[in-house]
Amino acid sequence: MTSMPIVQIRQTPGRIGIETTPGSFSIRQPKADLQITTQKADLEIQQPKPELIIDQSRALAAYDGGSHLEMTKRLYSNVQQLFLQGLSQRMKDGERMREFYKPGNTLGDIMKSRSQNTPGFIEYRGAASSDNVDIQVERRDPIIEVTTHKPDIQVQINRPEIEYTRGNVNIYMQQYPSVQFIPPEIDTTM
């Protein structure tokens, strides 16, 4: 049997080449413009004067007896004690007179001792001391008032700067398609 001739078909596929260059973004944002202004705080300080109190009433009482009322009080407060001292002295003298027969208890001796023992001087002045003057200082705290002011802040925002560089797309035929028909060899001899 004879074989049948076959037509050969050869096919080459087409190839497309694509090359791309990607695009690029450039984003830049300048800093915001910031302006801050402030005012000084108001400061008010008040310093009340201190109060100085000097009490020298005891010194005056020791020097000249003080006021009439104080001097009279001191006099009358000492009178009772002076009276009691004089009364006891009289009683002692009376006891001595009762025993007149003992030596030294004669009426002359008793009168002599009475003239020498005069009653004490009534002290109408206050006691003298280096602490008779009282000095008192009342210090007062300062009054401090502070008034603050808020800062004035101004902000100017700068918009971002965006730049885009487009990329490229290069499309080309890397290989063209082809179809090739190869006929069989025909034997032309008969």
C-alpha atoms as a PDB file:
ATOM      1  CA  MET A   1       0.000   0.000   0.000  1.00  0.00           C
ATOM      2  CA  THR A   2       1.202   3.232  -0.857  1.00  0.00           C
ATOM      3  CA  SER A   3       1.257   5.981   1.657  1.00  0.00           C
ATOM      4  CA  MET A   4      -0.594   9.051   1.215  1.00  0.00           C
ATOM      5  CA  PRO A   5       1.431  12.138   1.145  1.00  0.00           C
ATOM      6  CA  ILE A   6       0.868  14.490   4.105  1.00  0.00           C
ATOM      7  CA  VAL A   7       1.058  18.209   4.005  1.00  0.00           C
ATOM      8  CA  GLN A   8       3.155  19.514   6.850  1.00  0.00           C
ATOM      9  CA  ILE A   9       2.132  22.716   8.575  1.00  0.00           C
ATOM     10  CA  ARG A  10       4.604  24.485  10.779  1.00  0.00           C
ATOM     11  CA  GLN A  11       3.371  27.272  12.911  1.00  0.00           C
ATOM     12  CA  THR A  12       5.504  29.797  14.813  1.00  0.00           C
ATOM     13  CA  PRO A  13       3.574  31.641  17.502  1.00  0.00           C
ATOM     14  CA  GLY A  14       3.803  35.386  17.740  1.00  0.00           C
ATOM     15  CA  ARG A  15       5.475  36.887  20.778  1.00  0.00           C
ATOM     16  CA  ILE A  16       4.744  40.330  22.031  1.00  0.00           C
ATOM     17  CA  GLY A  17       7.400  42.024  24.156  1.00  0.00           C
ATOM     18  CA  ILE A  18       6.314  44.548  26.775  1.00  0.00           C
ATOM     19  CA  GLU A  19       8.792  46.664  28.704  1.00  0.00           C
ATOM     20  CA  THR A  20       7.565  49.057  31.358  1.00  0.00           C
ATOM     21  CA  THR A  21       9.256  51.750  33.332  1.00  0.00           C
ATOM     22  CA  PRO A  22       7.214  52.391  36.478  1.00  0.00           C
ATOM     23  CA  GLY A  23       6.025  55.907  37.214  1.00  0.00           C
ATOM     24  CA  SER A  24       7.398  57.737  40.256  1.00  0.00           C
ATOM     25  CA  PHE A  25       5.773  59.907  42.902  1.00  0.00           C
ATOM     26  CA  SER A  26       7.590  62.697  44.613  1.00  0.00           C
ATOM     27  CA  ILE A  27       5.716  64.105  47.614  1.00  0.00           C
ATOM     28  CA  ARG A  28       7.202  66.957  49.565  1.00  0.00           C
ATOM     29  CA  GLN A  29       5.510  69.115  52.153  1.00  0.00           C
ATOM     30  CA  PRO A  30       7.229  72.197  53.493  1.00  0.00           C
ATOM     31  CA  LYS A  31       7.020  72.738  57.236  1.00  0.00           C
ATOM     32  CA  ALA A  32       4.125  74.790  58.493  1.00  0.00           C
ATOM     33  CA  ASP A  33       4.846  78.436  59.223  1.00  0.00           C
ATOM     34  CA  LEU A  34       4.387  78.907  62.963  1.00  0.00           C
ATOM     35  CA  GLN A  35       4.179  82.302  64.630  1.00  0.00           C
ATOM     36  CA  ILE A  36       3.828  82.474  68.410  1.00  0.00           C
ATOM     37  CA  THR A  37       3.487  85.751  70.270  1.00  0.00           C
ATOM     38  CA  THR A  38       3.175  86.010  74.017  1.00  0.00           C
ATOM     39  CA  GLN A  39       2.588  88.838  76.435  1.00  0.00           C
ATOM     40  CA  LYS A  40       4.375  89.149  79.709  1.00  0.00           C
ATOM     41  CA  ALA A  41       2.373  88.168  82.745  1.00  0.00           C
ATOM     42  CA  ASP A  42       1.154  91.031  84.916  1.00  0.00           C
ATOM     43  CA  LEU A  43       2.687  90.768  88.365  1.00  0.00           C
ATOM     44  CA  GLU A  44       1.374  92.909  91.191  1.00  0.00           C
ATOM     45  CA  ILE A  45       2.974  92.731  94.616  1.00  0.00           C
ATOM     46  CA  GLN A  46       1.648  94.612  97.619  1.00  0.00           C
ATOM     47  CA  GLN A  47       3.679  94.594 100.800  1.00  0.00           C
ATOM     48  CA  PRO A  48       1.687  95.834 103.807  1.00  0.00           C
ATOM     49  CA  LYS A  49       3.795  97.632 106.364  1.00  0.00           C
ATOM     50  CA  PRO A  50       4.623  95.659 109.481  1.00  0.00           C
ATOM     51  CA  GLU A  51       3.035  96.845 112.715  1.00  0.00           C
ATOM     52  CA  LEU A  52       5.372  97.731 115.565  1.00  0.00           C
ATOM     53  CA  ILE A  53       3.831  97.774 119.041  1.00  0.00           C
ATOM     54  CA  ILE A  54       5.927  99.136 121.916  1.00  0.00           C
ATOM     55  CA  ASP A  55       4.412  98.852 125.399  1.00  0.00           C
ATOM     56  CA  GLN A  56       6.453 100.758 127.962  1.00  0.00           C
ATOM     57  CA  SER A  57       3.752 101.092 130.596  1.00  0.00           C
ATOM     58  CA  ARG A  58       5.700  98.901 133.052  1.00  0.00           C
ATOM     59  CA  ALA A  59       8.833 101.024 132.544  1.00  0.00           C
ATOM     60  CA  LEU A  60       6.855 104.206 133.230  1.00  0.00           C
ATOM     61  CA  ALA A  61       5.300 102.561 136.298  1.00  0.00           C
ATOM     62  CA  ALA A  62       8.786 101.732 137.601  1.00  0.00           C
ATOM     63  CA  TYR A  63      10.028 105.249 136.845  1.00  0.00           C
ATOM     64  CA  ASP A  64       7.254 107.500 138.154  1.00  0.00           C
ATOM     65  CA  GLY A  65       4.507 105.176 139.374  1.00  0.00           C
ATOM     66  CA  GLY A  66       2.527 105.106 136.144  1.00  0.00           C
ATOM     67  CA  SER A  67      -0.989 106.462 135.874  1.00  0.00           C
ATOM     68  CA  HIS A  68      -2.850 107.737 138.973  1.00  0.00           C
ATOM     69  CA  LEU A  69      -5.093 104.695 139.060  1.00  0.00           C
ATOM     70  CA  GLU A  70      -2.171 102.240 138.950  1.00  0.00           C
ATOM     71  CA  MET A  71      -0.255 104.193 141.591  1.00  0.00           C
ATOM     72  CA  THR A  72      -3.320 104.333 143.898  1.00  0.00           C
ATOM     73  CA  LYS A  73      -3.897 100.576 143.496  1.00  0.00           C
ATOM     74  CA  ARG A  74      -0.293  99.845 144.458  1.00  0.00           C
ATOM     75  CA  LEU A  75      -0.501 102.158 147.464  1.00  0.00           C
ATOM     76  CA  TYR A  76      -3.695 100.629 148.802  1.00  0.00           C
ATOM     77  CA  SER A  77      -2.544  97.061 148.136  1.00  0.00           C
ATOM     78  CA  ASN A  78       0.521  97.715 150.368  1.00  0.00           C
ATOM     79  CA  VAL A  79      -1.422  99.493 153.151  1.00  0.00           C
ATOM     80  CA  GLN A  80      -2.890  96.288 154.571  1.00  0.00           C
ATOM     81  CA  GLN A  81       0.532  94.641 154.795  1.00  0.00           C
ATOM     82  CA  LEU A  82       2.020  97.765 156.358  1.00  0.00           C
ATOM     83  CA  PHE A  83      -0.867  97.942 158.861  1.00  0.00           C
ATOM     84  CA  LEU A  84      -0.331  94.314 159.859  1.00  0.00           C
ATOM     85  CA  GLN A  85       3.401  94.906 160.318  1.00  0.00           C
ATOM     86  CA  GLY A  86       2.732  97.964 162.499  1.00  0.00           C
ATOM     87  CA  LEU A  87       0.141  96.055 164.545  1.00  0.00           C
ATOM     88  CA  SER A  88       2.529  93.177 165.190  1.00  0.00           C
ATOM     89  CA  GLN A  89       5.258  95.659 166.202  1.00  0.00           C
ATOM     90  CA  ARG A  90       2.877  97.326 168.675  1.00  0.00           C
ATOM     91  CA  MET A  91       1.969  93.948 170.125  1.00  0.00           C
ATOM     92  CA  LYS A  92       5.645  93.140 170.573  1.00  0.00           C
ATOM     93  CA  ASP A  93       6.187  96.502 172.272  1.00  0.00           C
ATOM     94  CA  GLY A  94       3.183  95.836 174.534  1.00  0.00           C
ATOM     95  CA  GLU A  95       4.625  92.470 175.511  1.00  0.00           C
ATOM     96  CA  ARG A  96       7.910  94.143 176.357  1.00  0.00           C
ATOM     97  CA  MET A  97       6.089  96.764 178.461  1.00  0.00           C
ATOM     98  CA  ARG A  98       4.294  94.041 180.362  1.00  0.00           C
ATOM     99  CA  GLU A  99       7.682  92.610 181.277  1.00  0.00           C
ATOM    100  CA  PHE A 100       9.128  95.982 182.280  1.00  0.00           C
ATOM    101  CA  TYR A 101      11.058  94.389 185.124  1.00  0.00           C
ATOM    102  CA  LYS A 102      13.431  92.630 182.691  1.00  0.00           C
ATOM    103  CA  PRO A 103      16.518  94.517 181.647  1.00  0.00           C
ATOM    104  CA  GLY A 104      16.113  96.323 178.270  1.00  0.00           C
ATOM    105  CA  ASN A 105      12.312  96.477 178.609  1.00  0.00           C
ATOM    106  CA  THR A 106      12.081  99.865 180.216  1.00  0.00           C
ATOM    107  CA  LEU A 107       9.790 102.448 178.754  1.00  0.00           C
ATOM    108  CA  GLY A 108      12.790 104.479 177.564  1.00  0.00           C
ATOM    109  CA  ASP A 109      14.289 101.491 175.731  1.00  0.00           C
ATOM    110  CA  ILE A 110      10.978 100.664 174.088  1.00  0.00           C
ATOM    111  CA  MET A 111      10.459 104.266 172.902  1.00  0.00           C
ATOM    112  CA  LYS A 112      14.042 104.420 171.641  1.00  0.00           C
ATOM    113  CA  SER A 113      13.577 101.244 169.553  1.00  0.00           C
ATOM    114  CA  ARG A 114      10.235 102.593 168.240  1.00  0.00           C
ATOM    115  CA  SER A 115      11.848 105.772 167.036  1.00  0.00           C
ATOM    116  CA  GLN A 116      14.562 103.798 165.254  1.00  0.00           C
ATOM    117  CA  ASN A 117      12.112 101.296 163.671  1.00  0.00           C
ATOM    118  CA  THR A 118       9.982 103.623 161.623  1.00  0.00           C
ATOM    119  CA  PRO A 119       7.455 101.971 159.333  1.00  0.00           C
ATOM    120  CA  GLY A 120       8.747 101.158 155.858  1.00  0.00           C
ATOM    121  CA  PHE A 121       8.169 103.411 152.901  1.00  0.00           C
ATOM    122  CA  ILE A 122       5.109 102.418 150.883  1.00  0.00           C
ATOM    123  CA  GLU A 123       6.354 101.555 147.383  1.00  0.00           C
ATOM    124  CA  TYR A 124       4.039 103.125 144.837  1.00  0.00           C
ATOM    125  CA  ARG A 125       6.263 102.412 141.819  1.00  0.00           C
ATOM    126  CA  GLY A 126       6.439  99.171 139.851  1.00  0.00           C
ATOM    127  CA  ALA A 127       9.400  96.824 139.931  1.00  0.00           C
ATOM    128  CA  ALA A 128      12.391  98.030 137.941  1.00  0.00           C
ATOM    129  CA  SER A 129      13.628  95.566 135.300  1.00  0.00           C
ATOM    130  CA  SER A 130      15.365  95.544 131.953  1.00  0.00           C
ATOM    131  CA  ASP A 131      12.353  93.601 130.587  1.00  0.00           C
ATOM    132  CA  ASN A 132       9.815  96.357 131.358  1.00  0.00           C
ATOM    133  CA  VAL A 133       9.513  97.423 127.693  1.00  0.00           C
ATOM    134  CA  ASP A 134       7.576  94.985 125.485  1.00  0.00           C
ATOM    135  CA  ILE A 135       8.306  95.188 121.775  1.00  0.00           C
ATOM    136  CA  GLN A 136       6.095  93.268 119.398  1.00  0.00           C
ATOM    137  CA  VAL A 137       6.438  93.241 115.614  1.00  0.00           C
ATOM    138  CA  GLU A 138       3.560  91.895 113.537  1.00  0.00           C
ATOM    139  CA  ARG A 139       4.834  91.014 110.089  1.00  0.00           C
ATOM    140  CA  ARG A 140       2.317  90.787 107.284  1.00  0.00           C
ATOM    141  CA  ASP A 141       2.725  88.513 104.268  1.00  0.00           C
ATOM    142  CA  PRO A 142       2.969  90.129 100.844  1.00  0.00           C
ATOM    143  CA  ILE A 143      -0.033  89.965  98.535  1.00  0.00           C
ATOM    144  CA  ILE A 144       1.086  88.634  95.160  1.00  0.00           C
ATOM    145  CA  GLU A 145      -1.285  88.629  92.191  1.00  0.00           C
ATOM    146  CA  VAL A 146      -0.256  87.152  88.843  1.00  0.00           C
ATOM    147  CA  THR A 147      -2.372  87.643  85.717  1.00  0.00           C
ATOM    148  CA  THR A 148      -1.274  85.394  82.888  1.00  0.00           C
ATOM    149  CA  HIS A 149      -2.040  85.899  79.204  1.00  0.00           C
ATOM    150  CA  LYS A 150      -2.580  83.080  76.745  1.00  0.00           C
ATOM    151  CA  PRO A 151      -0.106  82.849  73.857  1.00  0.00           C
ATOM    152  CA  ASP A 152      -1.303  83.836  70.371  1.00  0.00           C
ATOM    153  CA  ILE A 153      -0.433  80.988  67.999  1.00  0.00           C
ATOM    154  CA  GLN A 154      -0.810  81.477  64.230  1.00  0.00           C
ATOM    155  CA  VAL A 155      -0.212  78.463  61.986  1.00  0.00           C
ATOM    156  CA  GLN A 156       0.022  78.662  58.191  1.00  0.00           C
ATOM    157  CA  ILE A 157      -0.142  75.159  56.730  1.00  0.00           C
ATOM    158  CA  ASN A 158       1.708  74.630  53.444  1.00  0.00           C
ATOM    159  CA  ARG A 159       0.074  72.227  51.015  1.00  0.00           C
ATOM    160  CA  PRO A 160       2.015  69.168  49.942  1.00  0.00           C
ATOM    161  CA  GLU A 161       3.801  69.369  46.603  1.00  0.00           C
ATOM    162  CA  ILE A 162       3.092  66.214  44.618  1.00  0.00           C
ATOM    163  CA  GLU A 163       4.978  65.427  41.414  1.00  0.00           C
ATOM    164  CA  TYR A 164       4.255  62.403  39.290  1.00  0.00           C
ATOM    165  CA  THR A 165       6.588  61.263  36.565  1.00  0.00           C
ATOM    166  CA  ARG A 166       4.796  58.916  34.200  1.00  0.00           C
ATOM    167  CA  GLY A 167       6.360  55.638  33.326  1.00  0.00           C
ATOM    168  CA  ASN A 168       6.728  54.230  29.819  1.00  0.00           C
ATOM    169  CA  VAL A 169       5.216  51.163  28.254  1.00  0.00           C
ATOM    170  CA  ASN A 170       7.051  49.870  25.196  1.00  0.00           C
ATOM    171  CA  ILE A 171       5.136  47.195  23.325  1.00  0.00           C
ATOM    172  CA  TYR A 172       6.854  45.499  20.407  1.00  0.00           C
ATOM    173  CA  MET A 173       6.747  42.261  18.478  1.00  0.00           C
ATOM    174  CA  GLN A 174       9.461  40.040  19.670  1.00  0.00           C
ATOM    175  CA  GLN A 175       8.581  37.361  17.161  1.00  0.00           C
ATOM    176  CA  TYR A 176       6.096  37.575  14.390  1.00  0.00           C
ATOM    177  CA  PRO A 177       3.699  34.661  13.932  1.00  0.00           C
ATOM    178  CA  SER A 178       4.054  32.584  10.897  1.00  0.00           C
ATOM    179  CA  VAL A 179       2.394  29.598   9.308  1.00  0.00           C
ATOM    180  CA  GLN A 180       4.421  27.502   6.899  1.00  0.00           C
ATOM    181  CA  PHE A 181       2.852  24.888   4.719  1.00  0.00           C
ATOM    182  CA  ILE A 182       5.249  22.286   3.409  1.00  0.00           C
ATOM    183  CA  PRO A 183       3.718  20.247   0.675  1.00  0.00           C
ATOM    184  CA  PRO A 184       4.689  16.634   0.429  1.00  0.00           C
ATOM    185  CA  GLU A 185       7.046  15.606  -2.178  1.00  0.00           C
ATOM    186  CA  ILE A 186       5.105  14.398  -5.046  1.00  0.00           C
ATOM    187  CA  ASP A 187       6.605  11.714  -7.127  1.00  0.00           C
ATOM    188  CA  THR A 188       6.167  12.907 -10.568  1.00  0.00           C
ATOM    189  CA  THR A 189       7.626   9.852 -12.178  1.00  0.00           C
ATOM    190  CA  MET A 190       5.237   7.470 -13.543  1.00  0.00           C
END
